[in-house]
Amino acid sequence: MVEFRLLRGIWTCAYRLSYHFQLGYLWLNLILNSCQNDKSSIDRFIKGVYNVKPPKPKYEVTWDPQIVINFLESLYPLSSLSMEKPTLKLITLVALTTAQRAQTFKLLIKNIFEYLLKE
């Protein structure tokens, strides 16, 4: 009996949400159809909404990758470096070019070291 009430409550809630969504969609269609001849007022309204709350950039601060690239250029010649430095150089270059997550690079570094230990 409790399960039936729960299912009935879920169904009722879903039905009401669907009804209100369709009602809102209906009103939006009525408004847009009635204003179809007056396109300039719709454009002004949308521009006004945009100006009231303009979009914000995704990031507040960004960094300059040229600093990292300059440092990586200083790691030369590779034959004079320990194995760790060229590996980190490779991972850094891959990170700069592909924008992968840190988890991906952790697995990549692990695979490189496992390969080197086999040799």
Protein backbone atom coordinates (compact mmCIF):
# COMPACT_ATOMS: atom_id res chain seq x y z
CA MET A 1 0.00 0.00 0.00
CA VAL A 2 2.87 2.37 0.87
CA GLU A 3 4.62 1.58 -2.43
CA PHE A 4 1.42 2.32 -4.33
CA ARG A 5 1.09 5.71 -2.60
CA LEU A 6 4.72 6.49 -3.34
CA LEU A 7 4.35 5.58 -7.01
CA ARG A 8 1.10 7.54 -7.22
CA GLY A 9 2.82 10.56 -5.64
CA ILE A 10 5.74 10.35 -8.07
CA TRP A 11 3.37 10.04 -11.03
CA THR A 12 1.30 13.00 -9.81
CA CYS A 13 4.40 15.13 -9.35
CA ALA A 14 5.70 14.22 -12.82
CA TYR A 15 2.30 14.96 -14.35
CA ARG A 16 2.10 18.38 -12.68
CA LEU A 17 5.61 19.31 -13.77
CA SER A 18 4.84 18.21 -17.31
CA TYR A 19 1.58 20.17 -17.29
CA HIS A 20 3.24 23.37 -16.08
CA PHE A 21 6.08 23.00 -18.57
CA GLN A 22 3.62 22.56 -21.43
CA LEU A 23 1.57 25.51 -20.17
CA GLY A 24 4.67 27.71 -20.10
CA TYR A 25 5.63 26.52 -23.57
CA LEU A 26 2.10 27.30 -24.78
CA TRP A 27 2.26 30.85 -23.39
CA LEU A 28 5.70 31.39 -24.87
CA ASN A 29 4.43 30.29 -28.29
CA LEU A 30 1.41 32.59 -28.01
CA ILE A 31 3.60 35.56 -27.11
CA LEU A 32 6.13 34.86 -29.85
CA ASN A 33 3.44 34.31 -32.48
CA SER A 34 1.65 37.52 -31.57
CA CYS A 35 4.92 39.48 -31.73
CA GLN A 36 6.10 37.86 -34.94
CA ASN A 37 5.38 41.00 -36.97
CA ASP A 38 7.14 43.18 -34.41
CA LYS A 39 10.57 41.51 -34.44
CA SER A 40 12.37 44.64 -33.27
CA SER A 41 10.67 44.57 -29.86
CA ILE A 42 11.79 40.98 -29.31
CA ASP A 43 15.34 41.90 -30.30
CA ARG A 44 15.32 44.87 -27.92
CA PHE A 45 13.96 42.68 -25.11
CA ILE A 46 16.65 40.03 -25.59
CA LYS A 47 19.39 42.69 -25.77
CA GLY A 48 18.00 44.26 -22.61
CA VAL A 49 18.11 40.94 -20.76
CA TYR A 50 21.68 40.43 -22.00
CA ASN A 51 22.73 43.90 -20.79
CA VAL A 52 21.11 43.48 -17.37
CA LYS A 53 23.15 40.36 -16.65
CA PRO A 54 26.06 40.03 -19.09
CA PRO A 55 27.88 36.70 -19.20
CA LYS A 56 30.97 36.32 -17.05
CA PRO A 57 34.18 34.72 -18.26
CA LYS A 58 34.65 31.11 -17.21
CA TYR A 59 37.97 31.85 -15.49
CA GLU A 60 38.91 34.94 -13.50
CA VAL A 61 42.66 34.47 -14.00
CA THR A 62 44.54 32.78 -16.81
CA TRP A 63 48.23 32.02 -17.06
CA ASP A 64 50.81 32.53 -19.78
CA PRO A 65 52.07 29.22 -21.24
CA GLN A 66 55.06 30.98 -22.82
CA ILE A 67 56.85 30.89 -19.45
CA VAL A 68 56.55 27.10 -19.37
CA ILE A 69 57.60 26.76 -23.02
CA ASN A 70 60.69 28.91 -22.39
CA PHE A 71 61.66 26.67 -19.47
CA LEU A 72 61.16 23.53 -21.56
CA GLU A 73 63.39 24.99 -24.28
CA SER A 74 66.17 25.31 -21.71
CA LEU A 75 66.10 21.53 -21.14
CA TYR A 76 68.48 20.75 -23.98
CA PRO A 77 70.34 18.58 -25.05
CA LEU A 78 68.27 15.65 -23.92
CA SER A 79 71.23 13.26 -23.84
CA SER A 80 72.81 15.22 -20.99
CA LEU A 81 69.69 15.05 -18.81
CA SER A 82 68.52 12.31 -16.47
CA MET A 83 65.58 10.21 -17.70
CA GLU A 84 63.16 12.05 -15.43
CA LYS A 85 63.57 15.49 -17.06
CA PRO A 86 62.76 14.45 -20.68
CA THR A 87 59.82 12.42 -19.37
CA LEU A 88 58.43 15.43 -17.52
CA LYS A 89 59.13 17.58 -20.59
CA LEU A 90 57.11 15.19 -22.75
CA ILE A 91 54.24 15.10 -20.28
CA THR A 92 54.21 18.90 -20.04
CA LEU A 93 54.14 19.28 -23.82
CA VAL A 94 51.31 16.76 -24.08
CA ALA A 95 49.44 18.61 -21.32
CA LEU A 96 49.83 21.94 -23.12
CA THR A 97 48.66 20.60 -26.47
CA THR A 98 45.78 18.34 -25.41
CA ALA A 99 44.40 19.84 -22.16
CA GLN A 100 43.87 16.43 -20.56
CA ARG A 101 43.06 15.84 -16.90
CA ALA A 102 45.76 15.16 -14.31
CA GLN A 103 44.51 11.58 -13.88
CA THR A 104 45.34 10.84 -17.53
CA PHE A 105 48.89 12.09 -17.10
CA LYS A 106 49.39 10.10 -13.93
CA LEU A 107 48.57 6.94 -15.87
CA LEU A 108 50.78 8.04 -18.76
CA ILE A 109 53.76 8.64 -16.47
CA LYS A 110 53.14 5.29 -14.77
CA ASN A 111 53.11 3.52 -18.14
CA ILE A 112 56.34 5.24 -19.22
CA PHE A 113 58.16 4.25 -16.03
CA GLU A 114 56.86 0.66 -16.25
CA TYR A 115 58.17 0.48 -19.82
CA LEU A 116 61.56 1.86 -18.78
CA LEU A 117 61.86 -0.60 -15.90
CA LYS A 118 61.25 -3.54 -18.26
CA GLU A 119 64.27 -2.58 -20.39
